[in-house]
C-alpha atoms as a PDB file:
ATOM      1  CA  MET A   1    -120.741 -13.900 -23.327  1.00  0.00           C
ATOM      2  CA  THR A   2    -122.385 -10.554 -24.079  1.00  0.00           C
ATOM      3  CA  HIS A   3    -120.235  -7.447 -23.638  1.00  0.00           C
ATOM      4  CA  VAL A   4    -121.137  -5.359 -20.566  1.00  0.00           C
ATOM      5  CA  THR A   5    -120.553  -1.600 -20.318  1.00  0.00           C
ATOM      6  CA  PHE A   6    -120.983   0.272 -17.034  1.00  0.00           C
ATOM      7  CA  VAL A   7    -122.266   3.779 -17.781  1.00  0.00           C
ATOM      8  CA  GLN A   8    -121.321   6.838 -15.714  1.00  0.00           C
ATOM      9  CA  THR A   9    -123.774   9.733 -15.962  1.00  0.00           C
ATOM     10  CA  SER A  10    -122.532  11.778 -12.992  1.00  0.00           C
ATOM     11  CA  VAL A  11    -119.425  11.897 -10.825  1.00  0.00           C
ATOM     12  CA  SER A  12    -119.992   9.903  -7.635  1.00  0.00           C
ATOM     13  CA  SER A  13    -118.333   7.330  -5.414  1.00  0.00           C
ATOM     14  CA  SER A  14    -121.156   4.987  -6.427  1.00  0.00           C
ATOM     15  CA  PHE A  15    -119.638   4.672  -9.890  1.00  0.00           C
ATOM     16  CA  SER A  16    -116.273   3.721  -8.390  1.00  0.00           C
ATOM     17  CA  HIS A  17    -117.989   1.049  -6.280  1.00  0.00           C
ATOM     18  CA  ARG A  18    -120.693  -0.212  -8.631  1.00  0.00           C
ATOM     19  CA  GLY A  19    -119.051   0.520 -11.984  1.00  0.00           C
ATOM     20  CA  GLU A  20    -115.254   0.631 -12.128  1.00  0.00           C
ATOM     21  CA  HIS A  21    -114.613  -1.904  -9.392  1.00  0.00           C
ATOM     22  CA  VAL A  22    -117.332  -4.313 -10.501  1.00  0.00           C
ATOM     23  CA  ALA A  23    -116.147  -4.190 -14.125  1.00  0.00           C
ATOM     24  CA  ARG A  24    -112.617  -5.070 -13.013  1.00  0.00           C
ATOM     25  CA  VAL A  25    -113.716  -7.895 -10.714  1.00  0.00           C
ATOM     26  CA  LEU A  26    -116.039  -9.443 -13.299  1.00  0.00           C
ATOM     27  CA  ARG A  27    -113.215  -9.369 -15.829  1.00  0.00           C
ATOM     28  CA  ASP A  28    -110.799 -11.032 -13.409  1.00  0.00           C
ATOM     29  CA  THR A  29    -113.042 -13.579 -11.685  1.00  0.00           C
ATOM     30  CA  VAL A  30    -115.644 -14.777 -14.187  1.00  0.00           C
ATOM     31  CA  ALA A  31    -113.954 -13.703 -17.444  1.00  0.00           C
ATOM     32  CA  MET A  32    -116.742 -11.332 -18.476  1.00  0.00           C
ATOM     33  CA  ASN A  33    -116.050  -8.870 -21.278  1.00  0.00           C
ATOM     34  CA  THR A  34    -116.537  -5.540 -19.504  1.00  0.00           C
ATOM     35  CA  SER A  35    -115.783  -1.856 -19.994  1.00  0.00           C
ATOM     36  CA  ILE A  36    -116.696   1.528 -18.513  1.00  0.00           C
ATOM     37  CA  ALA A  37    -117.813   4.648 -20.382  1.00  0.00           C
ATOM     38  CA  SER A  38    -119.287   8.064 -19.688  1.00  0.00           C
ATOM     39  CA  CYS A  39    -122.795   8.966 -20.780  1.00  0.00           C
ATOM     40  CA  SER A  40    -121.464  11.929 -22.765  1.00  0.00           C
ATOM     41  CA  ALA A  41    -118.974   9.789 -24.689  1.00  0.00           C
ATOM     42  CA  LEU A  42    -121.598   7.189 -25.543  1.00  0.00           C
ATOM     43  CA  THR A  43    -124.093   9.858 -26.576  1.00  0.00           C
ATOM     44  CA  ARG A  44    -121.658  11.241 -29.140  1.00  0.00           C
ATOM     45  CA  LEU A  45    -121.338   7.874 -30.875  1.00  0.00           C
ATOM     46  CA  GLY A  46    -123.498   7.376 -33.942  1.00  0.00           C
ATOM     47  CA  ALA A  47    -124.034   3.691 -33.139  1.00  0.00           C
ATOM     48  CA  LEU A  48    -123.399   1.673 -30.018  1.00  0.00           C
ATOM     49  CA  GLN A  49    -121.733  -1.692 -29.722  1.00  0.00           C
ATOM     50  CA  PRO A  50    -124.378  -4.396 -29.150  1.00  0.00           C
ATOM     51  CA  ALA A  51    -124.081  -4.920 -25.404  1.00  0.00           C
ATOM     52  CA  VAL A  52    -125.754  -4.772 -22.027  1.00  0.00           C
ATOM     53  CA  TYR A  53    -125.385  -1.250 -20.615  1.00  0.00           C
ATOM     54  CA  ILE A  54    -125.587  -0.956 -16.832  1.00  0.00           C
ATOM     55  CA  HIS A  55    -126.409   2.639 -15.834  1.00  0.00           C
ATOM     56  CA  VAL A  56    -125.056   3.350 -12.345  1.00  0.00           C
ATOM     57  CA  LYS A  57    -127.297   5.479 -10.124  1.00  0.00           C
ATOM     58  CA  HIS A  58    -128.498   7.808 -12.912  1.00  0.00           C
ATOM     59  CA  PRO A  59    -129.874   6.773 -16.329  1.00  0.00           C
ATOM     60  CA  CYS A  60    -128.163   7.990 -19.496  1.00  0.00           C
ATOM     61  CA  LEU A  61    -131.430   8.681 -21.317  1.00  0.00           C
ATOM     62  CA  ALA A  62    -129.797   9.605 -24.622  1.00  0.00           C
ATOM     63  CA  ILE A  63    -128.623   6.073 -25.353  1.00  0.00           C
ATOM     64  CA  LEU A  64    -131.815   4.193 -24.492  1.00  0.00           C
ATOM     65  CA  GLY A  65    -133.364   2.498 -27.472  1.00  0.00           C
ATOM     66  CA  ARG A  66    -130.226   2.304 -29.602  1.00  0.00           C
ATOM     67  CA  PRO A  67    -130.325  -0.771 -31.889  1.00  0.00           C
ATOM     68  CA  GLY A  68    -128.867  -3.973 -30.458  1.00  0.00           C
ATOM     69  CA  THR A  69    -128.631  -2.663 -26.904  1.00  0.00           C
ATOM     70  CA  ARG A  70    -130.063  -3.804 -23.575  1.00  0.00           C
ATOM     71  CA  HIS A  71    -130.160  -1.493 -20.555  1.00  0.00           C
ATOM     72  CA  VAL A  72    -130.126  -2.058 -16.798  1.00  0.00           C
ATOM     73  CA  LEU A  73    -130.707   0.811 -14.375  1.00  0.00           C
ATOM     74  CA  ASP A  74    -128.839   0.262 -11.105  1.00  0.00           C
ATOM     75  CA  VAL A  75    -130.145   2.988  -8.814  1.00  0.00           C
ATOM     76  CA  VAL A  76    -127.946   1.695  -5.961  1.00  0.00           C
ATOM     77  CA  ASP A  77    -129.249   3.264  -2.722  1.00  0.00           C
ATOM     78  CA  GLY A  78    -130.222   6.505  -4.434  1.00  0.00           C
ATOM     79  CA  ALA A  79    -133.780   6.968  -3.209  1.00  0.00           C
ATOM     80  CA  GLU A  80    -133.105  10.708  -3.366  1.00  0.00           C
ATOM     81  CA  HIS A  81    -132.968  10.370  -7.157  1.00  0.00           C
ATOM     82  CA  LEU A  82    -136.519   9.060  -7.407  1.00  0.00           C
ATOM     83  CA  GLN A  83    -137.962  12.506  -8.107  1.00  0.00           C
ATOM     84  CA  GLY A  84    -139.419  12.273 -11.584  1.00  0.00           C
ATOM     85  CA  PHE A  85    -138.963   8.520 -11.627  1.00  0.00           C
ATOM     86  CA  ASP A  86    -142.577   8.071 -12.713  1.00  0.00           C
ATOM     87  CA  GLY A  87    -141.709  10.165 -15.766  1.00  0.00           C
ATOM     88  CA  LEU A  88    -138.777   7.874 -16.529  1.00  0.00           C
ATOM     89  CA  ILE A  89    -141.095   4.886 -16.385  1.00  0.00           C
ATOM     90  CA  ALA A  90    -143.558   6.529 -18.761  1.00  0.00           C
ATOM     91  CA  SER A  91    -140.886   7.590 -21.234  1.00  0.00           C
ATOM     92  CA  THR A  92    -139.377   4.107 -21.418  1.00  0.00           C
ATOM     93  CA  GLN A  93    -142.497   1.967 -21.091  1.00  0.00           C
ATOM     94  CA  ALA A  94    -142.208   0.600 -24.634  1.00  0.00           C
ATOM     95  CA  GLN A  95    -138.647  -0.526 -23.974  1.00  0.00           C
ATOM     96  CA  ILE A  96    -139.683  -2.167 -20.715  1.00  0.00           C
ATOM     97  CA  ASP A  97    -142.466  -4.034 -22.462  1.00  0.00           C
ATOM     98  CA  GLU A  98    -140.040  -5.241 -25.122  1.00  0.00           C
ATOM     99  CA  GLY A  99    -137.564  -6.437 -22.527  1.00  0.00           C
ATOM    100  CA  ARG A 100    -134.927  -3.883 -23.501  1.00  0.00           C
ATOM    101  CA  LEU A 101    -134.850  -1.921 -20.230  1.00  0.00           C
ATOM    102  CA  TRP A 102    -134.307  -3.648 -16.915  1.00  0.00           C
ATOM    103  CA  ARG A 103    -133.761  -2.345 -13.420  1.00  0.00           C
ATOM    104  CA  PHE A 104    -132.083  -3.561 -10.258  1.00  0.00           C
ATOM    105  CA  HIS A 105    -130.810  -2.063  -7.032  1.00  0.00           C
ATOM    106  CA  LEU A 106    -130.000  -2.909  -3.446  1.00  0.00           C
ATOM    107  CA  ARG A 107    -133.538  -2.589  -2.152  1.00  0.00           C
ATOM    108  CA  CYS A 108    -136.424  -3.305  -4.503  1.00  0.00           C
ATOM    109  CA  LYS A 109    -138.986  -1.805  -2.134  1.00  0.00           C
ATOM    110  CA  VAL A 110    -138.806   1.458  -0.234  1.00  0.00           C
ATOM    111  CA  ARG A 111    -140.040   0.437   3.206  1.00  0.00           C
ATOM    112  CA  GLY A 112    -138.693   3.252   5.321  1.00  0.00           C
ATOM    113  CA  ALA A 113    -138.592   7.012   5.182  1.00  0.00           C
ATOM    114  CA  LEU A 114    -137.017   8.610   2.130  1.00  0.00           C
ATOM    115  CA  PRO A 115    -134.144  11.071   2.675  1.00  0.00           C
ATOM    116  CA  LYS A 116    -134.955  14.636   3.619  1.00  0.00           C
ATOM    117  CA  SER A 117    -133.452  15.856   0.337  1.00  0.00           C
ATOM    118  CA  ILE A 118    -136.670  14.872  -1.447  1.00  0.00           C
ATOM    119  CA  ASP A 119    -139.277  17.578  -1.782  1.00  0.00           C
ATOM    120  CA  PRO A 120    -141.955  16.577   0.764  1.00  0.00           C
ATOM    121  CA  ARG A 121    -144.598  16.973  -1.927  1.00  0.00           C
ATOM    122  CA  ASN A 122    -142.933  14.228  -3.976  1.00  0.00           C
ATOM    123  CA  VAL A 123    -142.275  11.589  -1.303  1.00  0.00           C
ATOM    124  CA  SER A 124    -145.499   9.624  -1.702  1.00  0.00           C
ATOM    125  CA  VAL A 125    -145.288   9.795  -5.494  1.00  0.00           C
ATOM    126  CA  ALA A 126    -141.648   8.669  -5.505  1.00  0.00           C
ATOM    127  CA  ARG A 127    -142.268   5.735  -3.191  1.00  0.00           C
ATOM    128  CA  ALA A 128    -145.409   4.660  -5.009  1.00  0.00           C
ATOM    129  CA  ALA A 129    -143.647   4.875  -8.380  1.00  0.00           C
ATOM    130  CA  GLN A 130    -140.757   2.703  -7.270  1.00  0.00           C
ATOM    131  CA  ASN A 131    -142.879   0.108  -5.517  1.00  0.00           C
ATOM    132  CA  SER A 132    -145.386  -0.065  -8.368  1.00  0.00           C
ATOM    133  CA  PHE A 133    -142.565  -0.532 -10.865  1.00  0.00           C
ATOM    134  CA  CYS A 134    -140.971  -3.311  -8.848  1.00  0.00           C
ATOM    135  CA  ALA A 135    -144.309  -5.063  -8.469  1.00  0.00           C
ATOM    136  CA  THR A 136    -144.750  -5.381 -12.226  1.00  0.00           C
ATOM    137  CA  HIS A 137    -141.250  -5.445 -13.762  1.00  0.00           C
ATOM    138  CA  PRO A 138    -138.125  -7.538 -13.230  1.00  0.00           C
ATOM    139  CA  CYS A 139    -135.881  -6.494 -10.341  1.00  0.00           C
ATOM    140  CA  ALA A 140    -132.782  -8.245  -9.057  1.00  0.00           C
ATOM    141  CA  VAL A 141    -131.021  -7.506  -5.785  1.00  0.00           C
ATOM    142  CA  ILE A 142    -127.230  -7.462  -6.041  1.00  0.00           C
ATOM    143  CA  PRO A 143    -125.333  -6.320  -2.922  1.00  0.00           C
ATOM    144  CA  HIS A 144    -122.299  -4.090  -2.885  1.00  0.00           C
ATOM    145  CA  MET A 145    -119.033  -5.960  -3.202  1.00  0.00           C
ATOM    146  CA  ALA A 146    -116.402  -5.548  -0.521  1.00  0.00           C
ATOM    147  CA  ASN A 147    -114.542  -3.126  -2.732  1.00  0.00           C
ATOM    148  CA  LEU A 148    -111.749  -1.588  -0.724  1.00  0.00           C
ATOM    149  CA  PRO A 149    -108.094  -2.740  -0.619  1.00  0.00           C
ATOM    150  CA  CYS A 150    -108.175  -3.496   3.092  1.00  0.00           C
ATOM    151  CA  THR A 151    -111.126  -5.863   2.700  1.00  0.00           C
ATOM    152  CA  THR A 152    -108.717  -8.586   1.636  1.00  0.00           C
ATOM    153  CA  MET A 153    -106.661  -8.600   4.852  1.00  0.00           C
ATOM    154  CA  ALA A 154    -106.079 -12.206   5.886  1.00  0.00           C
ATOM    155  CA  ASP A 155    -104.173 -11.584   9.112  1.00  0.00           C
ATOM    156  CA  PRO A 156    -106.044 -10.940  12.353  1.00  0.00           C
ATOM    157  CA  PRO A 157    -106.047  -7.401  13.724  1.00  0.00           C
ATOM    158  CA  SER A 158    -103.649  -6.259  16.405  1.00  0.00           C
ATOM    159  CA  PRO A 159    -104.572  -7.394  19.935  1.00  0.00           C
ATOM    160  CA  ARG A 160    -107.796  -5.630  20.834  1.00  0.00           C
ATOM    161  CA  VAL A 161    -106.643  -3.940  24.015  1.00  0.00           C
ATOM    162  CA  HIS A 162    -106.485  -0.251  23.168  1.00  0.00           C
ATOM    163  CA  GLY A 163    -110.249   0.300  23.120  1.00  0.00           C
ATOM    164  CA  VAL A 164    -110.612   2.432  20.001  1.00  0.00           C
ATOM    165  CA  PHE A 165    -114.008   2.810  18.338  1.00  0.00           C
ATOM    166  CA  GLY A 166    -114.395   3.821  14.713  1.00  0.00           C
ATOM    167  CA  LEU A 167    -117.632   5.263  13.331  1.00  0.00           C
ATOM    168  CA  VAL A 168    -118.317   3.959   9.837  1.00  0.00           C
ATOM    169  CA  GLY A 169    -120.467   5.898   7.403  1.00  0.00           C
ATOM    170  CA  ALA A 170    -121.030   8.862   9.690  1.00  0.00           C
ATOM    171  CA  SER A 171    -120.344  11.396   6.924  1.00  0.00           C
ATOM    172  CA  GLY A 172    -123.628  10.568   5.195  1.00  0.00           C
ATOM    173  CA  ASP A 173    -125.825  11.664   8.085  1.00  0.00           C
ATOM    174  CA  THR A 174    -129.013  13.470   7.091  1.00  0.00           C
ATOM    175  CA  CYS A 175    -130.523  13.671  10.563  1.00  0.00           C
ATOM    176  CA  SER A 176    -129.046  16.104  13.092  1.00  0.00           C
ATOM    177  CA  ASP A 177    -130.513  14.236  16.071  1.00  0.00           C
ATOM    178  CA  THR A 178    -128.646  11.045  15.237  1.00  0.00           C
ATOM    179  CA  ARG A 179    -125.419  13.002  14.739  1.00  0.00           C
ATOM    180  CA  ALA A 180    -125.806  14.433  18.247  1.00  0.00           C
ATOM    181  CA  GLU A 181    -126.717  10.988  19.582  1.00  0.00           C
ATOM    182  CA  ARG A 182    -123.533   9.497  18.170  1.00  0.00           C
ATOM    183  CA  ALA A 183    -121.418  12.278  19.630  1.00  0.00           C
ATOM    184  CA  ARG A 184    -122.890  11.660  23.077  1.00  0.00           C
ATOM    185  CA  ALA A 185    -122.705   7.881  22.820  1.00  0.00           C
ATOM    186  CA  PHE A 186    -119.195   7.549  21.401  1.00  0.00           C
ATOM    187  CA  PRO A 187    -117.414  10.846  22.135  1.00  0.00           C
ATOM    188  CA  ASP A 188    -113.888   9.498  21.499  1.00  0.00           C
ATOM    189  CA  ALA A 189    -114.672   7.431  18.412  1.00  0.00           C
ATOM    190  CA  LEU A 190    -112.538   8.017  15.337  1.00  0.00           C
ATOM    191  CA  ARG A 191    -114.265   8.947  12.102  1.00  0.00           C
ATOM    192  CA  GLN A 192    -113.526   8.458   8.439  1.00  0.00           C
ATOM    193  CA  SER A 193    -111.814  11.274   6.645  1.00  0.00           C
ATOM    194  CA  GLN A 194    -114.229  13.776   5.143  1.00  0.00           C
ATOM    195  CA  ARG A 195    -111.691  14.714   2.475  1.00  0.00           C
ATOM    196  CA  ARG A 196    -111.658  12.867  -0.826  1.00  0.00           C
ATOM    197  CA  THR A 197    -108.166  11.523  -1.418  1.00  0.00           C
ATOM    198  CA  PRO A 198    -106.586  10.913  -4.854  1.00  0.00           C
ATOM    199  CA  GLU A 199    -107.194   7.448  -6.186  1.00  0.00           C
ATOM    200  CA  ALA A 200    -104.299   5.243  -7.191  1.00  0.00           C
ATOM    201  CA  PRO A 201    -104.905   2.512  -9.775  1.00  0.00           C
ATOM    202  CA  GLY A 202    -106.892  -0.293  -8.182  1.00  0.00           C
ATOM    203  CA  ASN A 203    -107.464   1.701  -4.989  1.00  0.00           C
ATOM    204  CA  VAL A 204    -110.960   2.939  -4.225  1.00  0.00           C
ATOM    205  CA  ASP A 205    -110.307   3.984  -0.626  1.00  0.00           C
ATOM    206  CA  MET A 206    -111.278   7.560  -1.429  1.00  0.00           C
ATOM    207  CA  TYR A 207    -112.476   8.551   2.018  1.00  0.00           C
ATOM    208  CA  GLY A 208    -109.949   6.961   4.344  1.00  0.00           C
ATOM    209  CA  PHE A 209    -111.829   3.767   5.232  1.00  0.00           C
ATOM    210  CA  CYS A 210    -108.713   1.579   5.270  1.00  0.00           C
ATOM    211  CA  HIS A 211    -106.802   4.161   7.302  1.00  0.00           C
ATOM    212  CA  LEU A 212    -109.630   4.091   9.835  1.00  0.00           C
ATOM    213  CA  MET A 213    -109.537   0.286  10.005  1.00  0.00           C
ATOM    214  CA  ASP A 214    -105.820   0.400  10.787  1.00  0.00           C
ATOM    215  CA  GLN A 215    -106.494   2.525  13.884  1.00  0.00           C
ATOM    216  CA  ILE A 216    -109.483   0.844  15.520  1.00  0.00           C
ATOM    217  CA  ASP A 217    -110.445  -2.387  17.209  1.00  0.00           C
ATOM    218  CA  VAL A 218    -114.248  -2.132  16.956  1.00  0.00           C
ATOM    219  CA  ALA A 219    -116.316  -0.536  14.180  1.00  0.00           C
ATOM    220  CA  ILE A 220    -119.612   1.147  15.052  1.00  0.00           C
ATOM    221  CA  VAL A 221    -122.325   1.356  12.381  1.00  0.00           C
ATOM    222  CA  TRP A 222    -124.824   3.527  14.207  1.00  0.00           C
ATOM    223  CA  LYS A 223    -128.073   5.133  13.150  1.00  0.00           C
ATOM    224  CA  MET A 224    -127.146   7.777  10.580  1.00  0.00           C
ATOM    225  CA  SER A 225    -130.461   8.757   8.978  1.00  0.00           C
ATOM    226  CA  ASN A 226    -134.157   8.006   8.975  1.00  0.00           C
ATOM    227  CA  ASP A 227    -133.743   5.443   6.176  1.00  0.00           C
ATOM    228  CA  ARG A 228    -134.130   1.894   7.513  1.00  0.00           C
ATOM    229  CA  ASP A 229    -133.190   0.483   4.099  1.00  0.00           C
ATOM    230  CA  LYS A 230    -129.584   1.642   4.006  1.00  0.00           C
ATOM    231  CA  PRO A 231    -127.506  -1.151   2.438  1.00  0.00           C
ATOM    232  CA  CYS A 232    -125.283  -3.214   4.716  1.00  0.00           C
ATOM    233  CA  GLU A 233    -121.869  -2.593   3.180  1.00  0.00           C
ATOM    234  CA  ARG A 234    -121.023  -0.216   6.058  1.00  0.00           C
ATOM    235  CA  PHE A 235    -121.298  -3.248   8.322  1.00  0.00           C
ATOM    236  CA  GLU A 236    -119.842  -5.849   5.964  1.00  0.00           C
ATOM    237  CA  LEU A 237    -116.738  -3.897   4.952  1.00  0.00           C
ATOM    238  CA  PRO A 238    -115.249  -3.768   8.482  1.00  0.00           C
ATOM    239  CA  VAL A 239    -116.022  -7.473   8.868  1.00  0.00           C
ATOM    240  CA  MET A 240    -114.156  -8.215   5.644  1.00  0.00           C
ATOM    241  CA  ALA A 241    -111.321  -6.036   6.948  1.00  0.00           C
ATOM    242  CA  ASN A 242    -111.181  -8.309  10.029  1.00  0.00           C
ATOM    243  CA  ARG A 243    -112.601  -5.732  12.407  1.00  0.00           C
ATOM    244  CA  PRO A 244    -115.610  -6.754  14.506  1.00  0.00           C
ATOM    245  CA  ALA A 245    -118.505  -4.365  13.883  1.00  0.00           C
ATOM    246  CA  ILE A 246    -121.574  -3.406  15.910  1.00  0.00           C
ATOM    247  CA  ILE A 247    -124.632  -2.353  13.905  1.00  0.00           C
ATOM    248  CA  HIS A 248    -127.720  -0.465  15.061  1.00  0.00           C
ATOM    249  CA  SER A 249    -130.711  -2.811  14.796  1.00  0.00           C
ATOM    250  CA  PHE A 250    -132.707   0.071  13.276  1.00  0.00           C
ATOM    251  CA  TYR A 251    -131.421  -1.075   9.883  1.00  0.00           C
ATOM    252  CA  GLU A 252    -133.419  -3.788   8.127  1.00  0.00           C
ATOM    253  CA  CYS A 253    -130.278  -5.295   6.601  1.00  0.00           C
ATOM    254  CA  ALA A 254    -128.978  -6.146  10.070  1.00  0.00           C
ATOM    255  CA  ARG A 255    -131.607  -8.893  10.198  1.00  0.00           C
ATOM    256  CA  GLU A 256    -130.684 -10.341   6.813  1.00  0.00           C
ATOM    257  CA  ILE A 257    -127.262 -11.596   7.965  1.00  0.00           C
ATOM    258  CA  GLU A 258    -127.696 -14.525  10.334  1.00  0.00           C
ATOM    259  CA  GLY A 259    -124.328 -14.099  12.003  1.00  0.00           C
ATOM    260  CA  ALA A 260    -124.977 -10.432  12.775  1.00  0.00           C
ATOM    261  CA  GLU A 261    -127.349 -11.233  15.645  1.00  0.00           C
ATOM    262  CA  PRO A 262    -124.727 -11.027  18.461  1.00  0.00           C
ATOM    263  CA  PHE A 263    -123.507  -7.690  17.022  1.00  0.00           C
ATOM    264  CA  ARG A 264    -126.887  -5.883  16.777  1.00  0.00           C
ATOM    265  CA  CYS A 265    -127.752  -3.241  19.350  1.00  0.00           C
ATOM    266  CA  ASN A 266    -130.613  -0.835  19.995  1.00  0.00           C
ATOM    267  CA  ASP A 267    -128.843   1.499  22.403  1.00  0.00           C
ATOM    268  CA  THR A 268    -125.490   2.722  23.655  1.00  0.00           C
ATOM    269  CA  ALA A 269    -125.440   0.480  26.725  1.00  0.00           C
ATOM    270  CA  CYS A 270    -125.766  -2.598  24.515  1.00  0.00           C
ATOM    271  CA  ALA A 271    -123.025  -1.342  22.190  1.00  0.00           C
ATOM    272  CA  LEU A 272    -120.634  -0.826  25.101  1.00  0.00           C
ATOM    273  CA  ARG A 273    -121.380  -4.299  26.524  1.00  0.00           C
ATOM    274  CA  THR A 274    -120.875  -5.873  23.108  1.00  0.00           C
ATOM    275  CA  ALA A 275    -117.597  -4.014  22.606  1.00  0.00           C
ATOM    276  CA  GLU A 276    -116.360  -5.315  25.959  1.00  0.00           C
ATOM    277  CA  ALA A 277    -117.324  -8.861  24.953  1.00  0.00           C
ATOM    278  CA  ILE A 278    -115.420  -8.416  21.693  1.00  0.00           C
ATOM    279  CA  ARG A 279    -112.315  -7.166  23.484  1.00  0.00           C
ATOM    280  CA  ASN A 280    -112.233  -9.977  26.045  1.00  0.00           C
ATOM    281  CA  GLY A 281    -112.608 -12.636  23.353  1.00  0.00           C
ATOM    282  CA  ALA A 282    -116.126 -13.775  24.250  1.00  0.00           C
ATOM    283  CA  LEU A 283    -117.361 -13.168  20.698  1.00  0.00           C
ATOM    284  CA  ASP A 284    -114.359 -14.520  18.790  1.00  0.00           C
ATOM    285  CA  ALA A 285    -116.224 -17.631  17.595  1.00  0.00           C
ATOM    286  CA  ALA A 286    -119.313 -15.607  16.668  1.00  0.00           C
ATOM    287  CA  PHE A 287    -117.201 -13.150  14.710  1.00  0.00           C
ATOM    288  CA  GLY A 288    -115.479 -16.011  12.901  1.00  0.00           C
ATOM    289  CA  ARG A 289    -118.862 -17.350  11.760  1.00  0.00           C
ATOM    290  CA  LEU A 290    -119.993 -13.876  10.746  1.00  0.00           C
ATOM    291  CA  ARG A 291    -116.893 -13.294   8.668  1.00  0.00           C
ATOM    292  CA  VAL A 292    -117.272 -16.617   6.847  1.00  0.00           C
ATOM    293  CA  GLU A 293    -120.902 -15.742   6.048  1.00  0.00           C
ATOM    294  CA  VAL A 294    -120.005 -12.273   4.755  1.00  0.00           C
ATOM    295  CA  GLU A 295    -117.055 -13.583   2.727  1.00  0.00           C
ATOM    296  CA  LEU A 296    -119.242 -16.253   1.116  1.00  0.00           C
ATOM    297  CA  LYS A 297    -121.921 -13.693   0.294  1.00  0.00           C
ATOM    298  CA  ASN A 298    -119.305 -11.444  -1.274  1.00  0.00           C
ATOM    299  CA  ALA A 299    -117.812 -14.307  -3.299  1.00  0.00           C
ATOM    300  CA  GLN A 300    -121.215 -15.045  -4.852  1.00  0.00           C
ATOM    301  CA  ILE A 301    -121.718 -11.535  -6.255  1.00  0.00           C
ATOM    302  CA  PRO A 302    -119.806 -12.000  -9.576  1.00  0.00           C
ATOM    303  CA  ALA A 303    -122.032 -14.971 -10.411  1.00  0.00           C
ATOM    304  CA  MET A 304    -125.085 -12.834  -9.672  1.00  0.00           C
ATOM    305  CA  TYR A 305    -123.944 -10.271 -12.240  1.00  0.00           C
ATOM    306  CA  ARG A 306    -123.234 -13.019 -14.748  1.00  0.00           C
ATOM    307  CA  GLU A 307    -126.748 -14.454 -14.271  1.00  0.00           C
ATOM    308  CA  LEU A 308    -128.288 -10.981 -14.619  1.00  0.00           C
ATOM    309  CA  VAL A 309    -126.437 -10.300 -17.876  1.00  0.00           C
ATOM    310  CA  SER A 310    -127.444 -13.687 -19.222  1.00  0.00           C
ATOM    311  CA  ARG A 311    -131.034 -12.960 -18.282  1.00  0.00           C
ATOM    312  CA  VAL A 312    -131.241  -9.643 -20.103  1.00  0.00           C
ATOM    313  CA  SER A 313    -129.055 -10.471 -23.126  1.00  0.00           C
ATOM    314  CA  PRO A 314    -130.750 -10.741 -26.526  1.00  0.00           C
ATOM    315  CA  ARG A 315    -131.853 -14.265 -27.299  1.00  0.00           C
ATOM    316  CA  ARG A 316    -130.218 -15.687 -30.388  1.00  0.00           C
END
C-alpha cells in the first residue's frame, strides 16, 4: 500500500482531527503506512518520498509537483480559506490534468452563506470557484471521525434526571444574533471550555468536550452561524459519547442521518419538548437506532480513506 503523509501547513485543531488522529487510526485499523509532517520540514527536503500527501485545510504549495508524489487537498470545512482559491486552481491546473493533484472535503458544494470573515467582494468568486472545480474534477466526501477519547464510552450515561443542557460548538459562532438567541433559549446550559488545554498522547480533547459530556444529560447543537453546510460532527460526537443530542434543523447535515429525525428542531419550544421526551425515556429506542447508525458510519471512514489513497496512487 502506498505511503500516506498528512501535511500540516498551519497550526489548527483541524490538523489534530483530520491529520494526527486519522493517521493513527488508519495505521491501527487498516494497516496503512502513514506519517505526519509539517510543510516547512517537507519544503526543506531536496526530494520527497514517493507517497500520497494529504494537505489538511491549507495547501503546502512548495511541495506540489515533486517527482513521484500525489497530492490531496482536504479543505475540511474551511470555506473561509477559499479567498484566492481560483488562483490555486490556475497555478496547479497542469497537475490536476495529469491526475497528480486531487481534492476532497466535507462538503463538495457550497450551498449556504459563506462565513462573514470573507471579504464581501470575494464571496461570489470563492463560491463559484469551488463549485466549478467540484463540477469538473474528482471530489470525495469523507466525514470527520469521532476523534475524542470519550467517544468510545460503552456504558450508558448516568440517569438523566438532573436536567443539564450542554451547548456543543458554541465557541465557533460568527453571528451575534444566534449567540443571543442561544443565551435566551438555554440560559443555564453549560458550554465547552474556551481555553485550549495541553494535549496528552492520544488525547485530542483540547477544548473540554469530554469534560462537558461528563456533566450533561442532553447536548444541544443549535444554530451557530449562517453556514447551513457545517459538518455534523458536533451532533455525532455527543451521540458517540452516549449523550442524546438535539440539532437545529437549519443544518443540511441533520437531514443526511436518518435516525436524527426525532432529534431535529426548528425552535426552542421543540427543543424543550424533545429534551423532556429524552429524560422520560420516550426516545430511548430512537436514540439507540441513531447511535448504531452513527457508529456504523464512523466505522466505515478508514475504508473510505483507503479507497481514496488507492484511487489517487500512481498506477504501476
